[in-house]
Amino acid sequence: MRKVEVTAPSFPEVPTEEPLLGTAGKTWEVLCGDEGHWRAGFYSPALTGARECGELELHSCPELFLLVRGRMTLLVLRDGELREIPLEEGKPVLVTAPHSGYCPDGPHTGTALVVERDTFETEYRSPEEWGGGGI
C-alpha cells in the first residue's frame, strides 16, 4: 500500500476564456481548478483490460468521470466484488470506491473529464489488498 497527499493549489495556472488543451498520450493531466474547492483534468489510461489493473486507488473525496471521447471502462471494487463500468458519453459517473480504468480499444484511445477536490489523499492497493476477488 502507498499513500499520496494532494495539497492546494494542485493545478496549473491557465488563461481564462480560452480552450484548455490536453496532451495526447498522457494518462492523467490536471487542466485547471479553483483553489480550495475543485480541480479538473483529463484521464486517458494506457491499460487495455481489467486484468492489467494491478492497483486500485481510493480518494478521500468523490471523483466525477465524464467520457468525452473513445471508449473507457472503470474497474470498481464494491462490496468485495470487482465490477466493470463502461462509461457512456454524456452520462457522468460519481466514484467513491477503490477504482482504476482502462481503454479496451488500446492505450489512451478513450478520455474522460475528471472533477475532484483540490486537496485530498489517495490510497493505492492491489485489488486483493482491498479484499476484492479477481476478474
C-alpha atoms as a PDB file:
ATOM      1  CA  MET A   1       0.000   0.000   0.000  1.00  0.00           C
ATOM      2  CA  ARG A   2       1.085   3.547  -0.655  1.00  0.00           C
ATOM      3  CA  LYS A   3      -0.486   6.927   0.077  1.00  0.00           C
ATOM      4  CA  VAL A   4      -0.243  10.225  -1.769  1.00  0.00           C
ATOM      5  CA  GLU A   5      -1.422  13.588  -0.453  1.00  0.00           C
ATOM      6  CA  VAL A   6      -2.525  16.336  -2.844  1.00  0.00           C
ATOM      7  CA  THR A   7      -2.460  19.872  -1.449  1.00  0.00           C
ATOM      8  CA  ALA A   8      -3.831  23.141  -2.781  1.00  0.00           C
ATOM      9  CA  PRO A   9      -3.232  24.614  -5.213  1.00  0.00           C
ATOM     10  CA  SER A  10      -2.966  21.346  -7.159  1.00  0.00           C
ATOM     11  CA  PHE A  11      -3.471  22.632 -10.683  1.00  0.00           C
ATOM     12  CA  PRO A  12      -1.624  24.840 -13.157  1.00  0.00           C
ATOM     13  CA  GLU A  13      -2.371  28.497 -13.685  1.00  0.00           C
ATOM     14  CA  VAL A  14      -4.086  28.871 -17.050  1.00  0.00           C
ATOM     15  CA  PRO A  15      -5.597  31.685 -19.087  1.00  0.00           C
ATOM     16  CA  THR A  16      -9.352  32.059 -18.745  1.00  0.00           C
ATOM     17  CA  GLU A  17     -11.874  32.207 -21.584  1.00  0.00           C
ATOM     18  CA  GLU A  18      -9.544  30.140 -23.803  1.00  0.00           C
ATOM     19  CA  PRO A  19      -9.599  26.458 -24.750  1.00  0.00           C
ATOM     20  CA  LEU A  20      -7.608  24.184 -22.425  1.00  0.00           C
ATOM     21  CA  LEU A  21      -5.831  21.575 -24.495  1.00  0.00           C
ATOM     22  CA  GLY A  22      -4.747  18.260 -23.036  1.00  0.00           C
ATOM     23  CA  THR A  23      -1.629  16.360 -24.065  1.00  0.00           C
ATOM     24  CA  ALA A  24      -2.192  13.228 -26.162  1.00  0.00           C
ATOM     25  CA  GLY A  25      -0.790  10.035 -24.680  1.00  0.00           C
ATOM     26  CA  LYS A  26      -0.883  11.172 -21.042  1.00  0.00           C
ATOM     27  CA  THR A  27      -2.691   9.026 -18.502  1.00  0.00           C
ATOM     28  CA  TRP A  28      -3.592  11.921 -16.179  1.00  0.00           C
ATOM     29  CA  GLU A  29      -3.332  15.640 -16.761  1.00  0.00           C
ATOM     30  CA  VAL A  30      -4.732  18.283 -14.425  1.00  0.00           C
ATOM     31  CA  LEU A  31      -6.104  21.147 -16.513  1.00  0.00           C
ATOM     32  CA  CYS A  32      -7.422  23.756 -14.084  1.00  0.00           C
ATOM     33  CA  GLY A  33      -9.202  24.316 -10.798  1.00  0.00           C
ATOM     34  CA  ASP A  34     -10.472  26.608  -8.087  1.00  0.00           C
ATOM     35  CA  GLU A  35      -8.088  26.676  -5.114  1.00  0.00           C
ATOM     36  CA  GLY A  36      -9.534  25.062  -2.022  1.00  0.00           C
ATOM     37  CA  HIS A  37     -12.503  23.702  -3.946  1.00  0.00           C
ATOM     38  CA  TRP A  38     -12.060  21.608  -7.115  1.00  0.00           C
ATOM     39  CA  ARG A  39      -9.770  20.688  -9.956  1.00  0.00           C
ATOM     40  CA  ALA A  40     -10.481  19.089 -13.333  1.00  0.00           C
ATOM     41  CA  GLY A  41      -8.366  17.070 -15.698  1.00  0.00           C
ATOM     42  CA  PHE A  42      -8.258  14.517 -18.486  1.00  0.00           C
ATOM     43  CA  TYR A  43      -7.848  10.817 -17.680  1.00  0.00           C
ATOM     44  CA  SER A  44      -6.797   8.502 -20.519  1.00  0.00           C
ATOM     45  CA  PRO A  45      -5.376   5.195 -19.266  1.00  0.00           C
ATOM     46  CA  ALA A  46      -2.701   3.190 -21.062  1.00  0.00           C
ATOM     47  CA  LEU A  47      -4.175  -0.045 -19.670  1.00  0.00           C
ATOM     48  CA  THR A  48      -6.361  -2.018 -22.086  1.00  0.00           C
ATOM     49  CA  GLY A  49      -8.094  -4.583 -19.862  1.00  0.00           C
ATOM     50  CA  ALA A  50      -9.249  -5.286 -16.319  1.00  0.00           C
ATOM     51  CA  ARG A  51      -6.520  -7.883 -15.729  1.00  0.00           C
ATOM     52  CA  GLU A  52      -3.886  -5.162 -16.235  1.00  0.00           C
ATOM     53  CA  CYS A  53      -5.305  -3.103 -13.346  1.00  0.00           C
ATOM     54  CA  GLY A  54      -2.853  -4.246 -10.672  1.00  0.00           C
ATOM     55  CA  GLU A  55      -3.575  -1.270  -8.460  1.00  0.00           C
ATOM     56  CA  LEU A  56      -6.814   0.431  -7.412  1.00  0.00           C
ATOM     57  CA  GLU A  57      -6.935   3.926  -5.950  1.00  0.00           C
ATOM     58  CA  LEU A  58      -9.255   5.330  -3.300  1.00  0.00           C
ATOM     59  CA  HIS A  59      -9.538   9.078  -2.756  1.00  0.00           C
ATOM     60  CA  SER A  60     -10.724  10.779   0.422  1.00  0.00           C
ATOM     61  CA  CYS A  61     -13.282  12.562  -1.778  1.00  0.00           C
ATOM     62  CA  PRO A  62     -15.615  11.558  -4.626  1.00  0.00           C
ATOM     63  CA  GLU A  63     -14.496  11.798  -8.256  1.00  0.00           C
ATOM     64  CA  LEU A  64     -16.774  12.566 -11.196  1.00  0.00           C
ATOM     65  CA  PHE A  65     -15.924  10.867 -14.525  1.00  0.00           C
ATOM     66  CA  LEU A  66     -17.453  12.027 -17.821  1.00  0.00           C
ATOM     67  CA  LEU A  67     -16.425  10.300 -21.064  1.00  0.00           C
ATOM     68  CA  VAL A  68     -15.501  12.869 -23.714  1.00  0.00           C
ATOM     69  CA  ARG A  69     -14.191  10.598 -26.493  1.00  0.00           C
ATOM     70  CA  GLY A  70     -13.497   6.975 -27.348  1.00  0.00           C
ATOM     71  CA  ARG A  71     -14.253   4.074 -25.042  1.00  0.00           C
ATOM     72  CA  MET A  72     -13.229   3.636 -21.422  1.00  0.00           C
ATOM     73  CA  THR A  73     -14.215   1.240 -18.667  1.00  0.00           C
ATOM     74  CA  LEU A  74     -13.885   1.854 -14.944  1.00  0.00           C
ATOM     75  CA  LEU A  75     -12.968  -1.078 -12.713  1.00  0.00           C
ATOM     76  CA  VAL A  76     -14.596  -0.509  -9.321  1.00  0.00           C
ATOM     77  CA  LEU A  77     -14.452  -2.580  -6.135  1.00  0.00           C
ATOM     78  CA  ARG A  78     -17.867  -2.505  -4.458  1.00  0.00           C
ATOM     79  CA  ASP A  79     -18.881  -4.852  -1.606  1.00  0.00           C
ATOM     80  CA  GLY A  80     -15.867  -7.099  -2.223  1.00  0.00           C
ATOM     81  CA  GLU A  81     -16.691  -7.546  -5.932  1.00  0.00           C
ATOM     82  CA  LEU A  82     -14.829  -6.068  -8.877  1.00  0.00           C
ATOM     83  CA  ARG A  83     -17.266  -4.505 -11.338  1.00  0.00           C
ATOM     84  CA  GLU A  84     -16.582  -3.182 -14.813  1.00  0.00           C
ATOM     85  CA  ILE A  85     -18.497   0.000 -15.644  1.00  0.00           C
ATOM     86  CA  PRO A  86     -18.280   1.050 -19.318  1.00  0.00           C
ATOM     87  CA  LEU A  87     -18.512   4.841 -19.470  1.00  0.00           C
ATOM     88  CA  GLU A  88     -21.057   6.365 -21.841  1.00  0.00           C
ATOM     89  CA  GLU A  89     -20.708   9.802 -23.423  1.00  0.00           C
ATOM     90  CA  GLY A  90     -22.877  12.367 -21.688  1.00  0.00           C
ATOM     91  CA  LYS A  91     -23.538  10.141 -18.635  1.00  0.00           C
ATOM     92  CA  PRO A  92     -21.283  11.097 -15.711  1.00  0.00           C
ATOM     93  CA  VAL A  93     -20.374   8.541 -13.036  1.00  0.00           C
ATOM     94  CA  LEU A  94     -19.577   9.537  -9.441  1.00  0.00           C
ATOM     95  CA  VAL A  95     -16.979   7.196  -7.922  1.00  0.00           C
ATOM     96  CA  THR A  96     -16.357   6.783  -4.181  1.00  0.00           C
ATOM     97  CA  ALA A  97     -14.935   3.208  -4.112  1.00  0.00           C
ATOM     98  CA  PRO A  98     -11.473   1.853  -4.973  1.00  0.00           C
ATOM     99  CA  HIS A  99     -11.093   2.049  -8.744  1.00  0.00           C
ATOM    100  CA  SER A 100      -8.942   2.051 -11.866  1.00  0.00           C
ATOM    101  CA  GLY A 101      -9.674   2.362 -15.571  1.00  0.00           C
ATOM    102  CA  TYR A 102      -8.761   1.030 -18.964  1.00  0.00           C
ATOM    103  CA  CYS A 103      -9.321   1.692 -22.653  1.00  0.00           C
ATOM    104  CA  PRO A 104     -10.489  -1.528 -24.382  1.00  0.00           C
ATOM    105  CA  ASP A 105      -9.563  -0.239 -27.871  1.00  0.00           C
ATOM    106  CA  GLY A 106      -5.921   0.394 -26.996  1.00  0.00           C
ATOM    107  CA  PRO A 107      -3.754   2.677 -24.846  1.00  0.00           C
ATOM    108  CA  HIS A 108      -5.088   6.222 -24.489  1.00  0.00           C
ATOM    109  CA  THR A 109      -7.945   5.688 -27.002  1.00  0.00           C
ATOM    110  CA  GLY A 110     -10.572   6.952 -24.559  1.00  0.00           C
ATOM    111  CA  THR A 111     -10.590  10.133 -22.496  1.00  0.00           C
ATOM    112  CA  ALA A 112     -12.709  11.177 -19.530  1.00  0.00           C
ATOM    113  CA  LEU A 113     -13.018  14.553 -17.877  1.00  0.00           C
ATOM    114  CA  VAL A 114     -12.469  14.053 -14.140  1.00  0.00           C
ATOM    115  CA  VAL A 115     -13.518  16.523 -11.450  1.00  0.00           C
ATOM    116  CA  GLU A 116     -12.275  16.121  -7.881  1.00  0.00           C
ATOM    117  CA  ARG A 117     -11.352  18.255  -4.864  1.00  0.00           C
ATOM    118  CA  ASP A 118      -8.264  20.433  -4.859  1.00  0.00           C
ATOM    119  CA  THR A 119      -6.959  18.808  -1.641  1.00  0.00           C
ATOM    120  CA  PHE A 120      -7.261  15.094  -0.817  1.00  0.00           C
ATOM    121  CA  GLU A 121      -5.433  11.870  -0.013  1.00  0.00           C
ATOM    122  CA  THR A 122      -5.218   8.802  -2.221  1.00  0.00           C
ATOM    123  CA  GLU A 123      -4.522   5.257  -1.078  1.00  0.00           C
ATOM    124  CA  TYR A 124      -3.250   2.725  -3.626  1.00  0.00           C
ATOM    125  CA  ARG A 125      -3.527  -1.058  -3.154  1.00  0.00           C
ATOM    126  CA  SER A 126      -3.867  -4.162  -5.277  1.00  0.00           C
ATOM    127  CA  PRO A 127      -7.424  -5.489  -5.712  1.00  0.00           C
ATOM    128  CA  GLU A 128      -6.506  -8.363  -3.386  1.00  0.00           C
ATOM    129  CA  GLU A 129      -5.252  -5.959  -0.690  1.00  0.00           C
ATOM    130  CA  TRP A 130      -8.611  -4.152  -0.904  1.00  0.00           C
ATOM    131  CA  GLY A 131     -10.327  -7.508  -0.308  1.00  0.00           C
ATOM    132  CA  GLY A 132     -11.604  -7.970  -3.840  1.00  0.00           C
ATOM    133  CA  GLY A 133     -11.757 -11.068  -5.957  1.00  0.00           C
ATOM    134  CA  GLY A 134     -10.225 -11.386  -9.377  1.00  0.00           C
ATOM    135  CA  ILE A 135     -11.629 -10.576 -12.805  1.00  0.00           C
END
